[in-house]
Each structure stands twice: as structure tokens, then as C-alpha cells.
Amino acid sequence: MGGRSGDFLINQNSQGAVVHQILAMSRLKRLYKEYVIEVTALPLRDGGFAAQISIMKDGRSYRDDTRFESGQVFASENEALEAGFVMGKQKIDAGFQATPIVRNK
């Protein structure tokens, strides 16, 4: 599964004109073991892409969503997406445990 979404960024150039840019983000969502790993490739201002990784686990009475950043710069969207998925798998394989949400009764 994957997709693309966009957000508007409004800047002002040196002549005072308002410039609208569309920032496109690609997403990759894959099932790994009992978790869903979703990676978002975020374009960086100076070029390249960062990866934001989300590990989700659905329980019958809760949903846990843990997010973290790659901390790396990738040359392409696809490279960021694939590397982010590998990082998510590594975190799960290293013993990642979803933190249950405390519910008040």
C-alpha cells in the first residue's frame, strides 16, 4: 500500500510576492508480523528526503501508534521509504513492545 498527499506551503519571496508551493509526501504501509509499519517520505528544504516511521498495533480495545524519525537524509523518496521500512522492522525485531493505553473506567 502506498499513496501520495500534499500540503500547501506559503512563502514570501524577496520581492514580497506570495509563493504557493505544494509539498508532496509519499507513504508506504506494510504489514510486518502483527504490526503495521507506515513510512512517510518528507521532502527537505535543502534537498533529499527524511523518513518518519510509525509502528501501529491494533488491539481489540486500543490502538497503539508509536512514531520516530530516521535521523538520516536520503537521496530519493523511494530510498527513504524502503530504508524507513527496514528501520521499522529492525525496531520490531529488537523487541519493540507497544505501550498499552491506560483506560479509565
Protein backbone atom coordinates (compact mmCIF):
# COMPACT_ATOMS: atom_id res chain seq x y z
CA MET A 1 0.00 0.00 0.00
CA GLY A 2 1.23 3.46 -0.71
CA GLY A 3 -0.03 6.85 -1.56
CA ARG A 4 0.74 10.47 -2.04
CA SER A 5 -0.66 13.51 -0.30
CA GLY A 6 0.20 17.17 -0.45
CA ASP A 7 0.22 20.19 1.81
CA PHE A 8 0.49 23.82 0.84
CA LEU A 9 3.44 25.89 1.94
CA ILE A 10 3.11 29.65 1.67
CA ASN A 11 6.32 31.64 1.38
CA GLN A 12 7.15 35.22 0.54
CA ASN A 13 9.92 35.80 -2.00
CA SER A 14 12.41 38.70 -1.93
CA GLN A 15 10.08 40.91 -4.00
CA GLY A 16 7.27 40.48 -1.46
CA ALA A 17 5.18 38.20 -3.68
CA VAL A 18 3.45 35.27 -2.06
CA VAL A 19 4.59 31.96 -3.47
CA HIS A 20 2.48 28.83 -3.06
CA GLN A 21 4.24 25.50 -3.23
CA ILE A 22 2.76 22.06 -2.91
CA LEU A 23 4.81 19.74 -0.75
CA ALA A 24 4.18 16.17 -1.81
CA MET A 25 4.69 13.32 0.61
CA SER A 26 4.82 9.66 -0.29
CA ARG A 27 3.67 6.98 2.10
CA LEU A 28 4.33 3.27 2.32
CA LYS A 29 2.27 0.99 4.56
CA ARG A 30 3.12 -2.68 5.05
CA LEU A 31 2.22 -5.42 7.48
CA TYR A 32 5.13 -6.97 9.37
CA LYS A 33 4.45 -9.69 11.92
CA GLU A 34 1.47 -8.39 13.94
CA TYR A 35 2.37 -4.72 13.31
CA VAL A 36 1.66 -2.22 10.55
CA ILE A 37 4.67 -0.13 9.57
CA GLU A 38 3.84 3.16 7.86
CA VAL A 39 6.67 5.26 6.45
CA THR A 40 6.29 8.83 5.20
CA ALA A 41 8.99 10.36 2.98
CA LEU A 42 9.26 14.05 3.84
CA PRO A 43 10.99 16.42 1.38
CA LEU A 44 13.71 18.52 2.99
CA ARG A 45 14.22 22.20 2.23
CA ASP A 46 17.86 21.71 1.19
CA GLY A 47 17.14 18.63 -0.91
CA GLY A 48 16.77 14.98 -0.17
CA PHE A 49 14.18 13.25 1.98
CA ALA A 50 13.73 12.23 5.60
CA ALA A 51 11.69 9.24 6.74
CA GLN A 52 9.11 9.29 9.51
CA ILE A 53 8.26 5.80 10.74
CA SER A 54 5.07 4.81 12.52
CA ILE A 55 4.59 1.37 14.07
CA MET A 56 0.97 0.53 14.79
CA LYS A 57 -0.66 -2.36 16.55
CA ASP A 58 -4.38 -2.80 16.83
CA GLY A 59 -5.82 -4.42 19.91
CA ARG A 60 -9.48 -5.11 20.40
CA SER A 61 -9.86 -2.26 22.86
CA TYR A 62 -6.95 0.02 21.90
CA ARG A 63 -4.70 1.12 19.10
CA ASP A 64 -1.05 1.91 19.74
CA ASP A 65 0.80 4.19 17.34
CA THR A 66 4.49 4.82 18.01
CA ARG A 67 6.37 7.27 15.77
CA PHE A 68 10.04 8.05 15.29
CA GLU A 69 12.29 9.81 12.78
CA SER A 70 15.04 8.19 10.73
CA GLY A 71 17.58 10.90 11.56
CA GLN A 72 19.07 10.42 8.09
CA VAL A 73 18.85 12.17 4.71
CA PHE A 74 18.04 10.07 1.65
CA ALA A 75 18.57 10.99 -2.00
CA SER A 76 15.13 9.87 -3.21
CA GLU A 77 11.61 9.26 -1.92
CA ASN A 78 11.83 5.56 -2.68
CA GLU A 79 15.13 5.25 -0.82
CA ALA A 80 13.60 6.99 2.22
CA LEU A 81 10.50 4.76 2.13
CA GLU A 82 12.42 1.49 1.84
CA ALA A 83 15.03 2.47 4.45
CA GLY A 84 12.26 3.56 6.83
CA PHE A 85 10.52 0.20 6.44
CA VAL A 86 13.78 -1.62 7.22
CA MET A 87 14.23 0.58 10.33
CA GLY A 88 10.70 -0.27 11.46
CA LYS A 89 11.37 -4.00 11.01
CA GLN A 90 14.63 -3.73 12.94
CA LYS A 91 12.90 -1.96 15.83
CA ILE A 92 10.23 -4.72 15.97
CA ASP A 93 12.84 -7.50 15.72
CA ALA A 94 14.85 -5.89 18.55
CA GLY A 95 11.93 -6.46 20.91
CA PHE A 96 9.71 -3.46 20.35
CA GLN A 97 6.69 -3.59 22.63
CA ALA A 98 3.67 -1.46 22.02
CA THR A 99 2.80 0.59 25.09
CA PRO A 100 -0.79 -0.17 26.07
CA ILE A 101 -3.02 2.83 26.54
CA VAL A 102 -4.30 3.23 30.10
CA ARG A 103 -8.06 3.44 30.16
CA ASN A 104 -10.03 4.94 32.99
CA LYS A 105 -13.19 3.11 33.96
